[in-house]
Protein backbone atom coordinates (compact mmCIF):
# COMPACT_ATOMS: atom_id res chain seq x y z
CA MET A 1 -38.62 14.41 -41.34
CA LYS A 2 -37.71 13.94 -37.85
CA ARG A 3 -33.95 13.55 -37.45
CA LEU A 4 -32.21 11.54 -34.70
CA THR A 5 -28.99 13.09 -33.08
CA GLN A 6 -26.02 10.75 -33.08
CA VAL A 7 -25.59 11.35 -29.28
CA GLY A 8 -27.50 12.70 -26.72
CA LEU A 9 -26.74 14.37 -23.35
CA ALA A 10 -28.37 12.52 -20.46
CA VAL A 11 -28.41 13.56 -16.93
CA LEU A 12 -29.64 11.03 -14.55
CA ILE A 13 -30.18 12.41 -11.06
CA ALA A 14 -31.59 10.54 -8.02
CA GLY A 15 -32.03 11.65 -4.54
CA LEU A 16 -31.30 9.88 -1.28
CA VAL A 17 -31.74 6.61 -2.61
CA LEU A 18 -28.48 7.15 -4.67
CA LEU A 19 -28.29 10.19 -6.44
CA LEU A 20 -27.74 10.16 -7.67
CA LYS A 21 -4.14 8.50 -21.23
CA GLY A 22 16.88 1.13 -28.71
CA SER A 23 17.33 0.00 -32.26
CA SER A 24 20.55 -1.37 -34.31
CA PRO A 25 22.92 1.19 -35.23
CA LEU A 26 23.34 -0.55 -38.80
CA VAL A 27 19.43 0.41 -39.55
CA THR A 28 19.48 2.47 -42.71
CA THR A 29 17.80 6.08 -42.32
CA ALA A 30 15.09 4.69 -44.57
CA THR A 31 14.26 1.81 -42.42
CA ALA A 32 14.71 4.21 -39.17
CA GLN A 33 12.24 6.44 -40.74
CA THR A 34 9.79 3.62 -41.32
CA GLN A 35 9.93 2.06 -37.97
CA ASN A 36 9.29 5.64 -36.41
CA LYS A 37 6.55 5.72 -38.89
CA ALA A 38 5.13 2.44 -38.22
CA GLN A 39 5.47 3.52 -34.26
CA GLN A 40 3.86 6.53 -34.43
CA GLN A 41 0.81 4.91 -36.46
CA ALA A 42 0.47 2.45 -33.66
CA LYS A 43 0.65 5.11 -30.80
CA GLU A 44 -1.75 7.52 -32.86
CA SER A 45 -4.37 4.02 -33.12
CA THR A 46 -4.82 4.39 -29.40
CA ARG A 47 -5.14 8.27 -29.04
CA SER A 48 -8.79 9.35 -29.05
CA ALA A 49 -7.63 12.31 -31.32
CA PRO A 50 -8.94 13.94 -33.48
CA PRO A 51 -12.22 13.68 -31.79
CA ASP A 52 -15.07 11.75 -33.62
CA THR A 53 -17.44 14.84 -33.97
CA THR A 54 -19.39 13.39 -37.09
CA PRO A 55 -22.90 14.35 -36.65
CA TYR A 56 -24.19 10.76 -37.69
CA THR A 57 -28.22 11.36 -38.14
CA ARG A 58 -31.06 8.83 -39.77
CA PRO A 59 -34.47 9.13 -39.98
CA ALA A 60 -36.48 7.67 -37.34
CA LEU A 61 -37.33 4.19 -36.79
CA PRO A 62 -40.63 2.28 -35.52
CA GLU A 63 -38.14 0.30 -33.45
CA ASP A 64 -36.66 3.41 -31.91
CA SER A 65 -39.76 4.04 -29.35
CA ALA A 66 -39.12 0.12 -28.19
CA PRO A 67 -36.36 -1.90 -29.74
CA ARG A 68 -36.60 -5.54 -29.58
CA GLY A 69 -40.01 -4.68 -28.08
CA VAL A 70 -38.26 -3.50 -25.20
CA ARG A 71 -39.53 -0.32 -23.68
CA ALA A 72 -37.15 2.62 -24.57
CA ILE A 73 -37.55 4.16 -21.35
CA PRO A 74 -38.67 1.94 -18.78
CA LEU A 75 -40.79 2.43 -15.81
CA LEU A 76 -38.40 2.43 -12.86
CA PRO A 77 -40.39 0.65 -9.83
CA GLY A 78 -40.03 2.05 -6.11
CA VAL A 79 -39.03 5.41 -7.23
CA SER A 80 -40.62 8.77 -8.52
CA SER A 81 -38.73 9.67 -11.83
CA ILE A 82 -39.24 12.00 -14.57
CA ILE A 83 -37.43 12.37 -18.22
CA VAL A 84 -36.61 15.62 -19.56
CA ASP A 85 -34.94 16.15 -22.54
CA VAL A 86 -32.11 18.85 -22.52
CA VAL A 87 -32.63 20.14 -25.42
CA VAL A 88 -36.19 20.24 -25.38
CA ASN A 89 -36.69 21.10 -21.89
CA ASN A 90 -35.02 24.34 -22.36
CA THR A 91 -35.20 28.06 -21.93
CA ASN A 92 -35.23 28.37 -26.10
CA PRO A 93 -38.33 26.56 -26.95
CA ASN A 94 -37.22 26.39 -30.74
CA LEU A 95 -33.38 24.88 -29.73
CA THR A 96 -33.69 21.82 -31.98
CA ASN A 97 -34.63 22.92 -35.48
CA THR A 98 -31.32 23.41 -36.97
CA ASP A 99 -28.40 22.17 -34.60
CA THR A 100 -25.75 21.16 -36.81
CA PHE A 101 -21.95 20.68 -35.57
CA ASN A 102 -18.48 21.86 -36.66
CA ASP A 103 -19.13 25.02 -38.75
CA GLY A 104 -17.46 27.49 -36.11
CA GLU A 105 -20.55 29.76 -35.91
CA THR A 106 -23.04 30.09 -33.86
CA SER A 107 -26.14 28.36 -34.38
CA ASN A 108 -29.44 29.61 -35.75
CA PRO A 109 -31.64 29.87 -32.76
CA ASN A 110 -34.65 28.25 -34.21
CA LEU A 111 -33.35 24.24 -33.68
CA THR A 112 -36.61 22.32 -32.60
CA ASN A 113 -36.93 19.06 -35.05
CA THR A 114 -33.33 18.52 -36.37
CA ASP A 115 -30.62 18.41 -33.67
CA THR A 116 -27.71 16.95 -35.22
CA PHE A 117 -25.21 18.18 -32.88
CA ASN A 118 -22.44 15.63 -32.27
CA ASP A 119 -22.48 15.99 -27.90
CA GLY A 120 -20.55 13.49 -27.13
CA GLU A 121 -17.97 13.05 -24.28
CA THR A 122 -19.70 14.94 -22.02
CA SER A 123 -18.58 16.22 -18.95
CA ILE A 124 -20.65 17.20 -15.99
CA ALA A 125 -19.85 19.65 -12.80
CA VAL A 126 -22.55 20.03 -9.88
CA ASN A 127 -22.21 23.06 -7.75
CA PRO A 128 -21.68 22.06 -3.81
CA ALA A 129 -22.78 25.31 -2.80
CA ASN A 130 -26.13 25.41 -5.00
CA ILE A 131 -26.65 21.52 -5.80
CA ASN A 132 -29.55 22.55 -8.02
CA GLU A 133 -26.91 24.41 -10.56
CA ILE A 134 -25.54 21.74 -13.19
CA VAL A 135 -23.10 22.48 -15.88
CA ILE A 136 -22.33 19.68 -18.76
CA THR A 137 -19.95 20.37 -21.62
CA ALA A 138 -19.52 18.45 -24.93
CA PHE A 139 -19.13 18.21 -28.47
CA SER A 140 -21.67 20.51 -29.00
CA GLU A 141 -20.02 23.19 -31.15
CA SER A 142 -16.43 24.73 -31.91
CA TRP A 143 -14.68 28.25 -31.29
CA GLY A 144 -15.36 30.46 -33.94
CA ALA A 145 -17.12 32.85 -31.50
CA ASN A 146 -18.02 31.25 -27.97
CA ALA A 147 -18.34 27.43 -27.44
CA PRO A 148 -21.09 26.22 -25.20
CA LEU A 149 -22.30 25.08 -22.18
CA TRP A 150 -25.72 23.52 -21.04
CA GLN A 151 -26.68 24.79 -17.35
CA SER A 152 -29.45 24.36 -15.26
CA THR A 153 -30.35 26.07 -12.40
CA ASP A 154 -33.40 24.15 -10.99
CA GLY A 155 -31.64 20.51 -10.56
CA GLY A 156 -32.03 19.34 -14.31
CA ASN A 157 -35.33 19.91 -15.17
CA ILE A 158 -34.58 23.07 -17.22
CA TRP A 159 -31.88 23.84 -19.12
CA THR A 160 -30.14 27.01 -21.23
CA LYS A 161 -27.75 26.41 -23.69
CA GLN A 162 -25.37 28.98 -22.87
CA PHE A 163 -22.96 30.16 -25.44
CA THR A 164 -20.24 31.26 -22.90
CA ILE A 165 -17.33 29.21 -22.96
CA PRO A 166 -14.26 31.97 -24.49
CA ALA A 167 -11.67 30.72 -26.35
CA PRO A 168 -8.35 30.93 -24.41
CA PRO A 169 -6.64 34.33 -25.34
CA GLY A 170 -3.89 33.95 -27.74
CA VAL A 171 -4.33 30.84 -28.92
CA ALA A 172 -5.55 29.29 -32.12
CA ALA A 173 -8.59 27.52 -31.22
CA ALA A 174 -10.61 26.83 -34.22
CA GLY A 175 -12.26 23.17 -34.46
CA CYS A 176 -12.22 23.15 -30.86
CA PRO A 177 -12.71 22.72 -27.63
CA CYS A 178 -11.89 19.12 -28.35
CA ASP A 179 -11.57 16.52 -25.08
CA GLN A 180 -12.94 18.89 -21.78
CA ALA A 181 -13.66 18.73 -18.37
CA VAL A 182 -15.09 20.85 -15.65
CA ASP A 183 -15.55 20.70 -12.15
CA TYR A 184 -16.70 22.69 -9.15
CA GLY A 185 -14.91 23.43 -6.08
CA ARG A 186 -16.28 25.79 -3.21
CA ASN A 187 -17.40 29.67 -3.41
CA ASN A 188 -19.28 28.73 -6.68
CA GLN A 189 -15.90 28.48 -8.72
CA MET A 190 -15.95 26.24 -11.95
CA SER A 191 -12.89 24.85 -13.41
CA GLY A 192 -12.81 23.50 -16.86
CA THR A 193 -9.70 22.33 -18.91
CA PHE A 194 -9.69 22.08 -22.63
CA LEU A 195 -7.74 20.23 -25.40
CA ILE A 196 -6.94 22.16 -28.61
CA SER A 197 -3.22 21.26 -29.53
CA ASP A 198 -2.50 21.36 -26.09
CA ILE A 199 -4.36 21.75 -23.11
CA PHE A 200 -5.52 25.04 -21.21
CA SER A 201 -7.25 25.35 -18.29
CA GLY A 202 -9.42 28.61 -17.11
CA THR A 203 -12.18 29.30 -13.83
CA THR A 204 -15.66 30.89 -13.52
CA THR A 205 -17.93 31.86 -11.28
CA ASP A 206 -20.68 32.69 -13.52
CA PRO A 207 -20.94 29.82 -16.35
CA ALA A 208 -23.73 32.12 -18.03
CA SER A 209 -21.41 34.87 -18.66
CA ALA A 210 -18.61 34.98 -21.14
CA ALA A 211 -16.86 37.84 -19.21
CA ALA A 212 -16.41 35.60 -16.36
CA TRP A 213 -13.97 33.26 -17.20
CA ASN A 214 -10.41 33.64 -16.00
CA TRP A 215 -7.38 32.53 -17.96
CA LEU A 216 -3.45 32.82 -16.66
CA VAL A 217 -2.45 35.20 -19.74
CA ILE A 218 1.17 36.08 -20.27
CA ALA A 219 2.53 37.75 -23.02
CA GLY A 220 -0.97 38.10 -24.57
CA VAL A 221 -0.80 34.12 -24.80
CA THR A 222 -2.79 31.78 -22.08
CA GLN A 223 -0.44 29.27 -20.59
CA ARG A 224 -0.41 25.86 -21.41
CA THR A 225 -1.83 23.49 -18.56
CA ASN A 226 1.12 21.51 -19.80
CA HIS A 227 3.52 24.07 -19.88
CA LEU A 228 6.18 22.41 -17.77
CA VAL A 229 6.44 19.65 -19.88
CA PRO A 230 7.75 20.55 -23.35
CA SER A 231 8.24 17.16 -24.72
CA SER A 232 4.44 16.86 -24.35
CA PHE A 233 3.89 20.06 -26.78
CA GLY A 234 1.24 18.90 -29.36
CA ASP A 235 1.37 14.99 -27.63
CA ALA A 236 -1.06 15.75 -24.86
CA ASP A 237 -3.97 14.01 -24.98
CA GLN A 238 -7.47 13.50 -22.67
CA PRO A 239 -7.26 15.63 -20.07
CA TRP A 240 -9.36 14.93 -17.06
CA LEU A 241 -9.88 17.82 -14.39
CA LEU A 242 -11.04 17.53 -10.89
CA VAL A 243 -10.92 19.71 -8.01
CA ASN A 244 -9.85 18.53 -4.33
CA ARG A 245 -8.92 20.23 -1.11
CA ASP A 246 -5.34 21.16 -0.40
CA PRO A 247 -3.94 18.59 1.43
CA THR A 248 -2.12 20.64 4.36
CA THR A 249 -4.45 23.94 3.71
CA PRO A 250 -8.15 22.12 4.25
CA THR A 251 -9.95 25.39 3.21
CA GLN A 252 -7.74 25.71 -0.15
CA ASP A 253 -9.05 24.17 -3.29
CA ASP A 254 -6.32 23.03 -5.67
CA VAL A 255 -7.19 22.26 -9.44
CA TYR A 256 -5.75 18.58 -10.69
CA ALA A 257 -5.40 18.28 -14.42
CA ALA A 258 -4.52 14.78 -15.51
CA TYR A 259 -3.52 13.83 -19.27
CA ASP A 260 -1.57 11.42 -21.42
CA ASP A 261 1.88 12.68 -22.73
CA PHE A 262 2.03 10.64 -25.99
CA SER A 263 5.76 11.63 -26.62
CA GLY A 264 6.42 8.66 -23.94
CA GLY A 265 5.42 5.67 -22.89
CA PRO A 266 2.53 7.13 -23.04
CA ASP A 267 3.40 8.99 -19.83
CA MET A 268 0.39 9.56 -17.24
CA ARG A 269 1.11 13.33 -16.08
CA VAL A 270 -0.84 15.44 -13.23
CA ALA A 271 -0.53 18.87 -13.39
CA VAL A 272 -1.68 21.21 -10.44
CA SER A 273 -2.66 24.50 -9.39
CA PHE A 274 -2.74 25.67 -5.80
CA GLY A 275 -5.76 28.03 -4.59
CA VAL A 276 -5.40 30.56 -7.22
CA ASP A 277 -7.41 32.08 -9.61
CA PRO A 278 -7.10 31.76 -12.59
CA PRO A 279 -5.24 28.33 -12.21
CA ASN A 280 -1.35 28.33 -12.63
CA PHE A 281 -0.29 25.16 -12.94
CA ALA A 282 2.90 25.07 -10.39
CA VAL A 283 3.91 21.33 -10.54
CA ASP A 284 3.44 18.66 -13.24
CA ASN A 285 4.40 15.27 -12.18
CA GLN A 286 4.35 11.86 -13.81
CA SER A 287 2.03 9.34 -11.81
CA GLY A 288 2.65 6.10 -14.44
CA THR A 289 3.36 4.94 -17.47
CA SER A 290 1.39 3.06 -19.96
CA THR A 291 2.03 1.18 -23.11
CA GLY A 292 1.25 0.85 -26.53
CA GLY A 293 -1.95 -1.28 -28.03
CA ILE A 294 -4.55 0.27 -25.95
CA ASN A 295 -5.56 3.76 -24.28
CA PRO A 296 -4.06 4.68 -21.13
CA GLY A 297 -7.88 5.35 -19.97
CA HIS A 298 -6.16 7.62 -17.45
CA ARG A 299 -8.54 8.96 -14.88
CA LEU A 300 -8.69 10.81 -11.70
CA ALA A 301 -10.37 10.43 -8.19
CA VAL A 302 -10.30 12.68 -5.22
CA ASP A 303 -10.58 11.76 -1.63
CA ARG A 304 -12.08 15.30 0.01
CA GLN A 305 -11.84 14.53 3.46
CA THR A 306 -7.70 14.00 3.23
CA GLY A 307 -6.76 15.82 -0.02
CA PHE A 308 -5.43 12.89 -1.28
CA VAL A 309 -5.34 12.25 -5.21
CA TYR A 310 -5.58 9.23 -7.13
CA SER A 311 -4.00 8.42 -11.04
CA LEU A 312 -5.71 5.55 -12.09
CA PHE A 313 -4.80 4.07 -16.12
CA GLN A 314 -4.39 0.91 -18.13
CA ARG A 315 -1.37 -1.20 -19.40
CA CYS A 316 -1.28 -3.67 -21.86
CA VAL A 317 0.99 -6.71 -20.80
CA GLY A 318 -0.12 -9.49 -23.33
CA ASN A 319 -1.19 -10.02 -26.59
CA CYS A 320 -1.37 -6.68 -27.41
CA GLY A 321 -1.89 -6.54 -31.17
CA GLY A 322 -4.56 -8.84 -30.75
CA ASP A 323 -8.09 -9.78 -29.21
CA PRO A 324 -8.15 -10.07 -26.18
CA LYS A 325 -5.40 -7.96 -24.59
CA ASN A 326 -4.19 -8.64 -21.51
CA ILE A 327 -4.44 -5.72 -19.17
CA ASN A 328 -2.86 -4.47 -16.22
CA TYR A 329 -5.23 -1.94 -14.46
CA MET A 330 -2.87 0.33 -12.27
CA LEU A 331 -3.71 2.74 -9.41
CA ASN A 332 -1.23 5.48 -8.10
CA ARG A 333 -1.49 8.02 -5.24
CA SER A 334 -0.45 11.66 -4.08
CA THR A 335 -0.77 12.54 -0.51
CA ASP A 336 1.33 16.05 -0.92
CA GLY A 337 -0.60 18.14 -3.68
CA GLY A 338 0.90 16.06 -6.88
CA ALA A 339 4.51 16.75 -5.47
CA THR A 340 4.96 12.78 -5.38
CA TRP A 341 3.42 9.60 -6.15
CA ILE A 342 3.76 6.20 -4.72
CA LEU A 343 1.79 3.83 -3.32
CA ASN A 344 2.45 1.08 -1.58
CA GLY A 345 6.23 2.04 -2.18
CA MET A 346 5.84 1.50 -5.65
CA PRO A 347 6.27 5.08 -7.46
CA GLY A 348 4.79 3.81 -10.50
CA GLY A 349 1.81 2.71 -8.65
CA ILE A 350 0.20 -0.84 -7.87
CA ILE A 351 -1.66 -3.35 -9.78
CA VAL A 352 -5.11 -3.10 -8.72
CA ALA A 353 -6.36 -5.99 -11.17
CA ASP A 354 -5.15 -7.90 -14.12
CA ALA A 355 -7.54 -8.89 -16.64
CA ASP A 356 -8.25 -9.61 -20.63
CA SER A 357 -10.44 -6.92 -22.49
CA THR A 358 -11.64 -6.06 -26.09
CA GLN A 359 -10.12 -2.56 -26.77
CA PRO A 360 -9.67 -0.55 -28.47
CA GLN A 361 -10.92 -2.88 -31.32
CA PRO A 362 -12.96 -4.78 -32.08
CA LYS A 363 -15.46 -1.95 -31.52
CA PHE A 364 -17.95 -2.13 -28.77
CA GLY A 365 -21.47 -2.75 -30.81
CA THR A 366 -19.32 -2.57 -33.87
CA VAL A 367 -19.45 1.34 -33.90
CA ASN A 368 -17.59 2.57 -30.88
CA ALA A 369 -13.63 2.21 -30.57
CA LEU A 370 -12.60 2.16 -26.93
CA LEU A 371 -10.17 4.93 -26.94
CA GLY A 372 -10.94 5.74 -23.52
CA GLY A 373 -9.94 2.74 -21.64
CA ALA A 374 -12.57 0.46 -19.60
CA ASP A 375 -11.87 1.94 -16.01
CA HIS A 376 -13.08 4.36 -13.67
CA ALA A 377 -12.83 4.60 -9.70
CA ALA A 378 -14.24 7.16 -6.75
CA VAL A 379 -13.77 7.41 -3.29
CA ASP A 380 -16.11 7.00 -0.30
CA PRO A 381 -16.72 10.25 1.30
CA ASN A 382 -17.15 8.66 4.61
CA ASN A 383 -14.18 6.50 4.64
CA GLY A 384 -11.79 7.12 1.84
CA ASP A 385 -12.20 3.53 0.48
CA VAL A 386 -11.67 3.56 -3.33
CA TYR A 387 -13.88 1.74 -5.64
CA TYR A 388 -12.17 0.58 -8.87
CA VAL A 389 -14.24 -0.44 -12.12
CA TYR A 390 -12.95 -1.82 -14.91
CA GLY A 391 -13.13 -4.30 -17.92
CA SER A 392 -13.05 -7.83 -17.49
CA ARG A 393 -13.47 -10.61 -20.49
CA ASP A 394 -15.19 -13.75 -19.30
CA ALA A 395 -12.86 -16.77 -21.04
CA GLY A 396 -15.61 -19.22 -21.17
CA THR A 397 -18.56 -16.64 -22.92
CA GLY A 398 -16.28 -14.06 -24.45
CA ASN A 399 -18.63 -11.32 -22.84
CA ASP A 400 -16.75 -8.30 -21.63
CA ARG A 401 -17.93 -7.95 -18.03
CA LEU A 402 -17.30 -5.10 -15.63
CA ALA A 403 -15.75 -5.99 -12.27
CA ILE A 404 -15.03 -3.81 -8.97
CA ARG A 405 -12.54 -3.85 -6.24
CA ARG A 406 -12.59 -2.13 -2.96
CA ILE A 407 -9.44 -0.67 -2.13
CA PHE A 408 -9.16 0.23 1.82
CA ASP A 409 -6.45 1.66 3.93
CA ASN A 410 -3.93 -1.04 5.63
CA GLY A 411 -3.40 0.95 8.44
CA GLY A 412 0.50 0.98 7.52
CA GLY A 413 0.51 3.87 5.16
CA GLY A 414 -0.89 1.88 2.06
CA VAL A 415 -3.96 0.08 0.91
CA THR A 416 -5.14 -3.48 0.71
CA VAL A 417 -6.68 -4.86 -2.36
CA GLY A 418 -9.80 -6.44 -2.08
CA PRO A 419 -11.48 -9.18 -3.93
CA GLU A 420 -12.84 -9.22 -7.36
CA ASN A 421 -16.73 -8.45 -7.60
CA PHE A 422 -18.74 -8.52 -10.66
CA VAL A 423 -21.16 -5.47 -11.48
CA THR A 424 -22.53 -6.97 -14.36
CA GLY A 425 -23.56 -10.39 -15.41
CA GLN A 426 -22.79 -12.25 -18.30
CA VAL A 427 -23.42 -9.22 -20.94
CA GLU A 428 -21.10 -7.20 -23.23
CA ALA A 429 -20.40 -3.89 -21.57
CA ALA A 430 -18.36 -1.19 -21.20
CA ILE A 431 -17.35 2.88 -20.46
CA PRO A 432 -18.21 2.32 -16.94
CA SER A 433 -18.54 5.35 -14.27
CA VAL A 434 -18.61 4.79 -10.76
CA ALA A 435 -19.98 7.15 -7.66
CA VAL A 436 -20.35 6.49 -4.25
CA ALA A 437 -23.40 8.33 -2.22
CA SER A 438 -23.16 9.85 1.33
CA ASN A 439 -25.05 6.81 2.92
CA GLY A 440 -22.10 4.79 1.01
CA ILE A 441 -24.21 3.06 -1.63
CA VAL A 442 -22.01 2.47 -4.50
CA GLY A 443 -23.39 3.07 -7.75
CA VAL A 444 -22.00 2.24 -11.62
CA PHE A 445 -23.63 3.57 -14.68
CA TYR A 446 -22.45 1.83 -17.59
CA TYR A 447 -23.57 0.70 -21.39
CA THR A 448 -24.63 -3.01 -23.11
CA PHE A 449 -24.59 -3.87 -26.66
CA ASP A 450 -27.76 -6.01 -26.51
CA GLY A 451 -27.25 -7.06 -30.54
CA PHE A 452 -29.03 -5.53 -33.77
CA SER A 453 -32.31 -4.45 -35.00
CA SER A 454 -32.67 -3.59 -38.71
CA GLY A 455 -29.12 -3.29 -38.81
CA PHE A 456 -28.56 -1.11 -36.25
CA PRO A 457 -26.56 -1.89 -32.84
CA ILE A 458 -29.02 -1.58 -29.57
CA PHE A 459 -27.48 -0.11 -26.45
CA SER A 460 -28.94 0.29 -23.18
CA ALA A 461 -27.94 2.45 -20.23
CA HIS A 462 -27.75 0.50 -16.66
CA LEU A 463 -27.30 1.83 -13.17
CA ALA A 464 -26.16 -0.81 -10.72
CA GLN A 465 -26.39 -0.21 -7.08
CA SER A 466 -24.36 -1.95 -4.21
CA SER A 467 -25.31 -1.11 -0.59
CA ASP A 468 -22.70 -4.19 0.78
CA GLN A 469 -19.49 -2.24 -0.23
CA GLY A 470 -19.34 -3.63 -3.61
CA VAL A 471 -19.96 -7.35 -3.05
CA THR A 472 -23.24 -7.67 -4.86
CA PHE A 473 -25.16 -5.16 -7.21
CA SER A 474 -28.68 -4.63 -8.28
CA ASP A 475 -29.48 -3.60 -11.69
CA GLN A 476 -31.58 -1.05 -13.33
CA MET A 477 -31.83 -1.11 -16.98
CA LEU A 478 -32.36 3.09 -17.35
CA GLU A 479 -32.75 3.47 -21.37
CA THR A 480 -32.60 1.18 -24.68
CA PHE A 481 -31.76 3.14 -27.78
CA LEU A 482 -30.68 2.19 -31.42
CA SER A 483 -27.49 3.74 -32.67
CA SER A 484 -28.08 6.41 -35.39
CA THR A 485 -25.79 4.47 -37.79
CA THR A 486 -24.76 0.79 -38.87
CA GLN A 487 -21.54 -0.89 -38.36
CA SER A 488 -18.35 1.93 -38.81
CA SER A 489 -15.18 1.11 -40.96
CA SER A 490 -13.55 4.24 -39.09
CA GLU A 491 -10.86 3.03 -36.56
CA LEU A 492 -11.63 6.34 -34.48
CA ALA A 493 -15.59 5.82 -34.84
CA GLN A 494 -17.07 6.43 -31.23
CA HIS A 495 -20.76 6.53 -31.62
CA LEU A 496 -20.81 6.60 -27.54
CA HIS A 497 -17.30 8.27 -27.37
CA ASP A 498 -14.76 7.23 -24.66
CA LEU A 499 -15.76 8.67 -21.33
CA LEU A 500 -19.00 10.13 -19.37
CA GLN A 501 -18.93 11.03 -15.95
CA HIS A 502 -21.38 10.96 -12.95
CA GLN A 503 -20.92 13.23 -9.90
CA GLY A 504 -22.84 13.66 -6.80
CA PRO A 505 -22.63 16.40 -3.59
CA VAL A 506 -24.02 15.26 -0.17
CA ARG A 507 -27.62 14.16 -1.06
CA ARG A 508 -27.63 13.69 -4.71
CA GLN A 509 -25.47 12.20 -7.37
CA ARG A 510 -26.11 13.45 -11.01
CA ARG A 511 -24.94 11.27 -13.88
CA VAL A 512 -24.33 12.75 -17.64
CA GLN A 513 -24.65 9.99 -20.60
CA HIS A 514 -24.26 10.40 -24.06
CA ARG A 515 -26.09 8.50 -26.31
CA ARG A 516 -26.51 7.68 -30.10
CA GLY A 517 -30.13 7.67 -31.71
CA LYS A 518 -32.28 9.46 -29.36
CA ARG A 519 -32.64 12.94 -27.98
CA HIS A 520 -30.84 14.56 -25.09
CA ARG A 521 -32.63 13.58 -21.90
CA CYS A 522 -32.48 13.69 -18.11
CA CYS A 523 -33.57 11.43 -15.60
CA ASN A 524 -34.65 12.92 -12.39
CA TRP A 525 -35.44 10.45 -9.24
């Protein structure tokens, strides 16, 4: 019987159009232990670790082809488009027969009908030296032997599942990689960061070769990316990696790895490696502090014209034990390679927006705990403007909409935060990702929860585009699909997971989408 994967990998590619983390001294020891345990449980409830790698599957339903009578993959008016399946459109024609997850062993090569890998928390990298070369990482199998990545060398039409990510030398890595992120710099060099119990980062110039990976190995053990912050050992989560030009030496690429340190507030930290291969993280500074009640949603955005780097994250400031929560969406900046973080004179960053939001519970669509925030940002490559998208619950309707603000230079060394505009209408939306094309068009990818069919949640993937600096948006529904499971009782259940990315070089943006209940798909338009 044909089975459906819990998540699919989908890369959505467009052309010139747009694309495209003091108590009383009289307290007894037992009480203190109880308090510490409660605090730890509260802290853990906002972490995305351990990752949800459950291979949710179910038999195909008639509604899968047209949920609520809506064509699952609509025709896109005015553009030439193709839809490809990352698993089926693969150099291994039998890749979808027995693709199961978390056994720590290499897959059976005959995989055609029962692809049940988790494939969640996708990250995408596009080679600026060859924009037809695209790499995706996901929860697609764990280390035992090499872990896999997905590679296309023809712009996303044909893919190869390459088992070419070796475990960091000297590190016990079985069961991972967990959170992971990849990004290209110049000279065909791709960097990747991987969460095990701590964070480890390496580089390669050939994603198809395991031998090409370089790691900084000292006395037989790979250096932690977070090695400068011992308090973070075992408490680091959700690494996010981007490569950017050095702010002083434009010909040099630096690797930035952001992460949450849950031994603190949690603390937002950014480690930096300066122009060396393998990466050697010589700086690790705090860009802000989050709070309990929510996941920090720590992300990076880079300005490749100046070398500036932005750190964005969330702080719960009201009703943090209830729903909805009142959230400050924060932004900080480094102009000196991560040595200092300050924006508008504020070392802890500025408040871009204050809004209510439903996260991490109740779950989005009853199946996805939002353990990665509801925020993302991107920099306009033409003028350095920052576009910051975030969740904003409508007090009247109760819908969790998506809003956006443009943040621009104020002429005095700081920034001005523009007015709020809405990306979505009155819908239940989450997991946004924003990118800006070379022609200035702003694209926001996101999901909506659209109700139920036969007891299964219905989700849709959307692309909203703006040609007027984020003031107004036109929306295109890309795909509608059913979840592969019904309502989940697990606090960590993440059927759509907590992050996604889309990126774009000069002429195209690529978007990676993870989905439940369908096959891996790739759009090209």
